[in-house]
N, C-alpha and C. Protein backbone atom coordinates (compact mmCIF):
# COMPACT_ATOMS: atom_id res chain seq x y z
N MET A 1 218.72 66.47 9.73
CA MET A 1 218.33 63.98 9.28
C MET A 1 218.90 64.47 11.00
N TYR A 2 218.07 62.89 11.24
CA TYR A 2 217.68 62.43 13.10
C TYR A 2 219.68 61.44 12.31
N ILE A 3 219.86 60.77 13.50
CA ILE A 3 220.44 59.64 14.49
C ILE A 3 220.69 58.36 12.70
N GLY A 4 219.24 58.37 12.53
CA GLY A 4 219.21 57.20 12.55
C GLY A 4 219.52 57.22 10.22
N GLU A 5 218.53 58.08 10.48
CA GLU A 5 219.63 58.89 8.28
C GLU A 5 220.96 59.05 9.06
N LEU A 6 221.51 58.74 9.54
CA LEU A 6 223.43 59.41 10.09
C LEU A 6 223.43 58.47 9.26
N SER A 7 223.73 57.35 10.61
CA SER A 7 223.91 55.98 10.21
C SER A 7 223.55 55.60 8.76
N LYS A 8 222.51 55.90 8.99
CA LYS A 8 222.15 54.89 6.85
C LYS A 8 223.64 55.85 5.85
N ARG A 9 223.68 56.50 6.17
CA ARG A 9 224.74 57.91 4.48
C ARG A 9 226.07 56.71 5.17
N ALA A 10 226.53 57.05 5.90
CA ALA A 10 227.56 57.01 6.96
C ALA A 10 227.72 55.36 6.97
N ALA A 11 227.00 54.37 6.25
CA ALA A 11 227.52 53.57 7.04
C ALA A 11 228.12 52.88 8.54
N ALA A 12 227.31 54.25 9.87
CA ALA A 12 227.80 53.41 10.57
C ALA A 12 226.86 53.78 12.10
N THR A 13 226.72 52.08 13.05
CA THR A 13 225.78 52.83 14.10
C THR A 13 225.05 53.85 15.06
N PRO A 14 224.25 53.85 15.28
CA PRO A 14 223.60 54.31 16.02
C PRO A 14 225.05 55.11 17.58
N LYS A 15 225.49 53.79 18.05
CA LYS A 15 226.10 53.75 18.88
C LYS A 15 227.76 53.16 17.94
N ALA A 16 228.34 53.79 17.61
CA ALA A 16 229.42 54.93 16.55
C ALA A 16 229.07 56.35 16.95
N ILE A 17 228.27 56.08 16.00
CA ILE A 17 227.75 58.06 16.20
C ILE A 17 227.49 58.56 18.23
N ARG A 18 226.89 58.25 18.67
CA ARG A 18 227.01 58.98 18.92
C ARG A 18 228.56 59.17 20.51
N LEU A 19 228.95 57.32 20.32
CA LEU A 19 230.34 57.98 21.17
C LEU A 19 231.52 59.16 20.19
N TYR A 20 231.25 58.97 18.37
CA TYR A 20 232.77 60.25 18.02
C TYR A 20 231.89 61.90 18.86
N GLU A 21 230.53 61.47 19.21
CA GLU A 21 230.21 62.90 19.42
C GLU A 21 230.43 63.31 20.28
N SER A 22 230.46 62.45 21.89
CA SER A 22 231.05 62.22 23.35
C SER A 22 232.53 62.42 22.99
N MET A 23 233.59 61.95 22.23
CA MET A 23 235.12 62.32 22.09
C MET A 23 235.26 64.10 20.89
N GLY A 24 234.13 64.67 20.87
CA GLY A 24 234.34 65.76 20.04
C GLY A 24 234.39 65.91 18.79
N LEU A 25 234.46 64.48 18.09
CA LEU A 25 234.89 64.15 16.66
C LEU A 25 233.93 64.81 16.06
N LEU A 26 232.46 65.45 15.80
CA LEU A 26 231.72 65.31 15.74
C LEU A 26 230.72 66.65 15.14
N GLY A 27 232.24 67.58 16.70
CA GLY A 27 231.38 69.18 16.97
C GLY A 27 229.97 69.04 17.90
N ARG A 28 229.91 71.42 17.15
CA ARG A 28 228.40 71.01 18.30
C ARG A 28 227.13 70.00 16.87
N VAL A 29 226.54 69.46 17.98
CA VAL A 29 225.52 68.97 17.19
C VAL A 29 224.19 69.96 18.04
N ALA A 30 223.03 70.58 16.62
CA ALA A 30 221.91 70.87 16.78
C ALA A 30 220.63 70.06 17.32
N ARG A 31 219.59 70.82 18.43
CA ARG A 31 219.41 69.87 18.53
C ARG A 31 217.95 70.28 18.28
N MET A 32 216.62 69.00 18.30
CA MET A 32 215.58 70.42 17.97
C MET A 32 214.01 69.27 19.33
N GLY A 33 214.46 70.11 20.27
CA GLY A 33 214.08 69.47 21.08
C GLY A 33 214.84 68.22 21.92
N ALA A 34 214.22 66.90 22.21
CA ALA A 34 215.25 65.69 22.96
C ALA A 34 216.26 65.45 21.48
N TYR A 35 215.92 65.81 20.78
CA TYR A 35 216.94 64.94 18.33
C TYR A 35 217.94 65.03 18.92
N ARG A 36 218.54 64.99 18.12
CA ARG A 36 220.27 65.84 17.18
C ARG A 36 220.14 65.57 15.95
N VAL A 37 220.19 66.29 15.84
CA VAL A 37 220.32 66.86 14.18
C VAL A 37 221.52 67.17 13.49
N TYR A 38 221.68 66.64 12.79
CA TYR A 38 222.64 65.77 11.81
C TYR A 38 223.30 66.89 10.05
N SER A 39 224.02 66.82 10.24
CA SER A 39 223.16 67.42 8.33
C SER A 39 224.78 67.01 7.76
N ASP A 40 224.53 67.83 6.18
CA ASP A 40 225.69 66.61 5.44
C ASP A 40 227.36 66.68 5.51
N ARG A 41 227.78 67.58 6.90
CA ARG A 41 229.10 68.13 7.21
C ARG A 41 229.62 66.55 7.81
N HIS A 42 228.11 66.13 9.12
CA HIS A 42 228.67 64.97 10.07
C HIS A 42 228.50 63.53 9.21
N VAL A 43 227.50 63.60 8.05
CA VAL A 43 227.91 62.14 7.43
C VAL A 43 229.46 62.93 6.86
N THR A 44 230.26 63.51 6.50
CA THR A 44 231.81 63.20 5.86
C THR A 44 232.60 62.80 6.82
N GLN A 45 232.35 64.07 8.15
CA GLN A 45 233.01 63.77 9.43
C GLN A 45 232.84 61.72 10.06
N VAL A 46 231.89 61.26 9.56
CA VAL A 46 231.97 60.04 10.61
C VAL A 46 232.17 59.66 9.18
N ARG A 47 232.41 60.00 7.73
CA ARG A 47 232.64 57.95 6.31
C ARG A 47 234.53 58.67 7.07
N LEU A 48 234.91 60.67 7.00
CA LEU A 48 236.25 59.60 7.55
C LEU A 48 236.69 59.20 9.21
N ILE A 49 236.06 59.41 9.65
CA ILE A 49 236.90 58.68 11.04
C ILE A 49 236.56 57.48 10.22
N LYS A 50 235.70 57.07 10.57
CA LYS A 50 235.40 55.33 9.50
C LYS A 50 236.21 54.84 8.83
N GLN A 51 236.49 54.93 7.94
CA GLN A 51 238.31 55.42 7.06
C GLN A 51 239.51 55.32 7.92
N ALA A 52 239.70 56.52 8.38
CA ALA A 52 240.59 56.77 9.64
C ALA A 52 240.46 54.94 10.73
N GLN A 53 239.63 54.85 10.82
CA GLN A 53 239.73 53.02 12.04
C GLN A 53 239.99 51.99 11.46
N ALA A 54 239.59 51.99 9.37
CA ALA A 54 239.71 50.99 8.73
C ALA A 54 241.69 51.03 8.59
N MET A 55 242.36 52.35 8.75
CA MET A 55 243.65 52.21 8.26
C MET A 55 244.61 52.67 9.73
N GLY A 56 244.02 51.52 10.62
CA GLY A 56 244.55 51.71 12.41
C GLY A 56 244.78 52.85 12.85
N PHE A 57 243.51 53.75 13.06
CA PHE A 57 244.10 54.48 13.14
C PHE A 57 243.04 54.91 14.63
N LYS A 58 243.71 55.60 15.86
CA LYS A 58 242.82 54.76 17.24
C LYS A 58 242.01 56.03 17.02
N LEU A 59 240.72 56.18 17.71
CA LEU A 59 239.99 57.30 17.80
C LEU A 59 240.92 58.30 18.39
N ALA A 60 241.35 58.16 19.11
CA ALA A 60 242.21 58.99 20.15
C ALA A 60 243.49 60.01 19.39
N ASP A 61 243.44 59.18 18.08
CA ASP A 61 244.93 59.65 17.47
C ASP A 61 243.50 60.34 16.10
N VAL A 62 242.35 60.52 15.37
CA VAL A 62 241.36 61.01 14.65
C VAL A 62 241.67 62.28 15.27
N VAL A 63 241.54 62.75 16.91
CA VAL A 63 240.74 63.72 17.86
C VAL A 63 241.56 65.10 17.29
N PRO A 64 242.28 65.08 17.55
CA PRO A 64 243.12 66.05 17.48
C PRO A 64 242.65 67.07 15.54
N SER A 65 242.96 65.57 14.64
CA SER A 65 242.21 66.59 13.38
C SER A 65 241.09 66.68 12.20
N VAL A 66 240.64 65.82 13.71
CA VAL A 66 239.40 66.11 12.96
C VAL A 66 238.00 66.41 14.17
N GLY A 67 238.01 66.12 15.12
CA GLY A 67 237.15 67.00 16.34
C GLY A 67 237.06 68.55 16.70
N GLY A 68 236.57 68.40 17.39
CA GLY A 68 235.98 70.64 17.93
C GLY A 68 234.92 70.50 16.73
N GLN A 69 234.68 72.07 16.89
CA GLN A 69 233.96 72.70 15.85
C GLN A 69 234.23 73.92 14.82
N ARG A 70 236.07 72.99 14.18
CA ARG A 70 235.95 73.71 13.21
C ARG A 70 234.71 73.29 11.33
N ALA A 71 235.24 73.42 10.72
CA ALA A 71 234.09 73.31 9.77
C ALA A 71 235.02 72.35 8.77
N GLU A 72 236.47 71.83 8.89
CA GLU A 72 236.90 71.51 7.83
C GLU A 72 238.00 70.65 8.97
N PRO A 73 238.31 69.71 8.76
CA PRO A 73 239.27 68.76 9.45
C PRO A 73 240.76 69.84 9.03
N ASP A 74 241.35 69.71 10.00
CA ASP A 74 242.71 69.91 9.90
C ASP A 74 243.90 69.07 9.02
N TRP A 75 243.20 69.76 7.35
CA TRP A 75 244.37 68.31 6.57
C TRP A 75 245.66 68.58 7.34
N ALA A 76 246.60 68.90 7.92
CA ALA A 76 247.86 69.53 7.85
C ALA A 76 248.25 68.42 9.02
N ALA A 77 247.79 68.71 9.75
CA ALA A 77 247.54 66.98 10.37
C ALA A 77 247.09 65.96 10.60
N MET A 78 246.43 65.77 9.61
CA MET A 78 245.75 64.58 9.17
C MET A 78 247.28 63.92 8.47
N ALA A 79 247.36 65.02 7.30
CA ALA A 79 248.82 64.46 6.61
C ALA A 79 249.61 63.94 7.60
N GLU A 80 250.42 64.79 8.26
CA GLU A 80 251.29 64.15 9.62
C GLU A 80 250.67 62.48 9.99
N GLN A 81 249.87 62.63 10.58
CA GLN A 81 249.74 61.36 11.09
C GLN A 81 249.48 59.77 10.68
N VAL A 82 249.27 60.82 9.44
CA VAL A 82 250.04 59.27 8.13
C VAL A 82 250.32 59.33 7.77
N ASP A 83 251.20 59.53 8.19
CA ASP A 83 253.15 60.38 7.03
C ASP A 83 253.79 58.80 9.05
N LEU A 84 253.10 59.12 10.00
CA LEU A 84 253.07 58.02 11.29
C LEU A 84 253.22 57.33 11.52
N ARG A 85 252.08 57.40 10.25
CA ARG A 85 251.18 55.54 9.67
C ARG A 85 251.84 54.66 9.23
N ARG A 86 252.76 55.42 7.72
CA ARG A 86 253.21 54.92 7.17
C ARG A 86 254.03 54.39 8.07
N GLY A 87 255.21 55.69 9.10
CA GLY A 87 256.40 54.29 9.54
C GLY A 87 256.33 53.33 10.29
N GLU A 88 255.65 53.75 11.35
CA GLU A 88 254.84 52.71 11.61
C GLU A 88 254.99 51.25 11.37
N ILE A 89 254.37 51.14 10.05
CA ILE A 89 253.61 49.88 9.26
C ILE A 89 254.93 49.59 8.81
N ALA A 90 255.73 50.68 7.79
CA ALA A 90 257.49 50.72 8.14
C ALA A 90 258.28 49.21 8.39
N ARG A 91 258.21 49.76 9.69
CA ARG A 91 258.61 49.84 11.38
C ARG A 91 259.45 47.85 11.11
N GLU A 92 257.06 47.70 11.31
CA GLU A 92 256.15 46.38 11.05
C GLU A 92 257.07 45.96 10.18
N ILE A 93 256.89 46.01 8.66
CA ILE A 93 257.61 44.91 7.96
C ILE A 93 258.02 44.03 8.02
N LEU A 94 259.53 45.48 8.36
CA LEU A 94 260.96 44.55 8.88
C LEU A 94 260.63 44.01 9.81
N ARG A 95 260.25 44.36 11.14
CA ARG A 95 259.89 43.03 12.17
C ARG A 95 259.80 41.68 11.58
N LEU A 96 258.62 41.61 10.87
CA LEU A 96 257.93 40.85 10.41
C LEU A 96 258.93 39.84 9.11
N LYS A 97 259.38 40.58 8.70
CA LYS A 97 260.47 40.09 7.71
C LYS A 97 261.25 38.83 8.05
N ALA A 98 261.96 40.43 9.31
CA ALA A 98 262.69 39.38 10.46
C ALA A 98 262.47 38.26 10.10
N LEU A 99 261.51 37.62 11.51
CA LEU A 99 260.81 36.83 12.06
C LEU A 99 260.49 36.08 11.15
N GLY A 100 260.04 36.81 9.80
CA GLY A 100 260.30 34.97 8.88
C GLY A 100 261.14 34.28 7.43
N ALA A 101 261.93 35.46 8.36
CA ALA A 101 263.80 34.27 8.64
C ALA A 101 263.92 33.15 9.21
N ARG A 102 263.90 34.07 10.54
CA ARG A 102 264.03 33.60 11.03
C ARG A 102 263.55 32.09 11.37
N LEU A 103 261.58 32.54 11.63
CA LEU A 103 260.69 31.12 10.91
C LEU A 103 261.50 30.33 9.94
N ARG A 104 261.94 30.24 9.24
CA ARG A 104 262.45 29.57 7.49
C ARG A 104 263.63 28.62 8.47
N GLU A 105 264.69 29.10 9.29
CA GLU A 105 265.87 29.01 9.66
C GLU A 105 265.16 28.52 10.51
N VAL A 106 264.59 27.75 11.55
CA VAL A 106 263.76 27.13 12.92
C VAL A 106 263.42 26.33 11.49
N ASN A 107 263.12 26.65 10.47
CA ASN A 107 261.93 25.10 10.31
C ASN A 107 262.84 24.46 9.01
N LYS A 108 264.02 24.69 8.60
CA LYS A 108 265.36 23.86 8.58
C LYS A 108 265.65 23.39 8.85
N GLU A 109 266.06 23.89 10.79
CA GLU A 109 266.43 23.04 12.04
C GLU A 109 265.31 21.56 11.94
N ILE A 110 264.39 22.33 12.01
CA ILE A 110 263.12 20.88 12.36
C ILE A 110 263.85 19.36 11.49
N ARG A 111 263.09 20.17 10.46
CA ARG A 111 263.15 19.32 9.28
C ARG A 111 264.47 19.05 9.06
N ALA A 112 265.31 18.97 9.32
CA ALA A 112 266.97 18.57 9.53
C ALA A 112 266.46 17.22 10.37
N CYS A 113 266.04 17.41 11.76
CA CYS A 113 265.97 16.99 12.84
C CYS A 113 265.01 15.61 12.67
N ALA A 114 264.37 15.97 11.75
CA ALA A 114 262.72 14.92 11.20
C ALA A 114 263.71 13.65 10.71
N GLU A 115 264.95 14.33 8.95
CA GLU A 115 265.29 13.99 8.27
C GLU A 115 266.64 12.51 9.10
N ARG A 116 266.56 12.90 10.32
CA ARG A 116 267.51 11.70 11.24
C ARG A 116 266.97 10.98 11.96
N ALA A 117 265.99 11.14 11.76
CA ALA A 117 265.12 10.82 13.31
C ALA A 117 265.15 9.32 12.65
């Protein structure tokens, strides 16, 4: 299939697909003359890349587990990346909870000042 069909099937823009290819995320892409020819494997890879991005992964984070000439993604590396991301999110949740508590205290002080005024 050509890039237009891959774009439709994977719900990604041709520009994004070209970027993924340039970063090595799609492995080797066959050519027929001047045209790139993609396979069902590429549809799966593009969908996986988009899913990773939706979960907050950077493309550079995805390269080690999806990129290259491998037929299948490196599932163990992906699981490790997900664990690391979950840890980052847990730390961010704690930080935001602490910030929320601090804002609650500041708001109490502001309201007390407003009542005195």
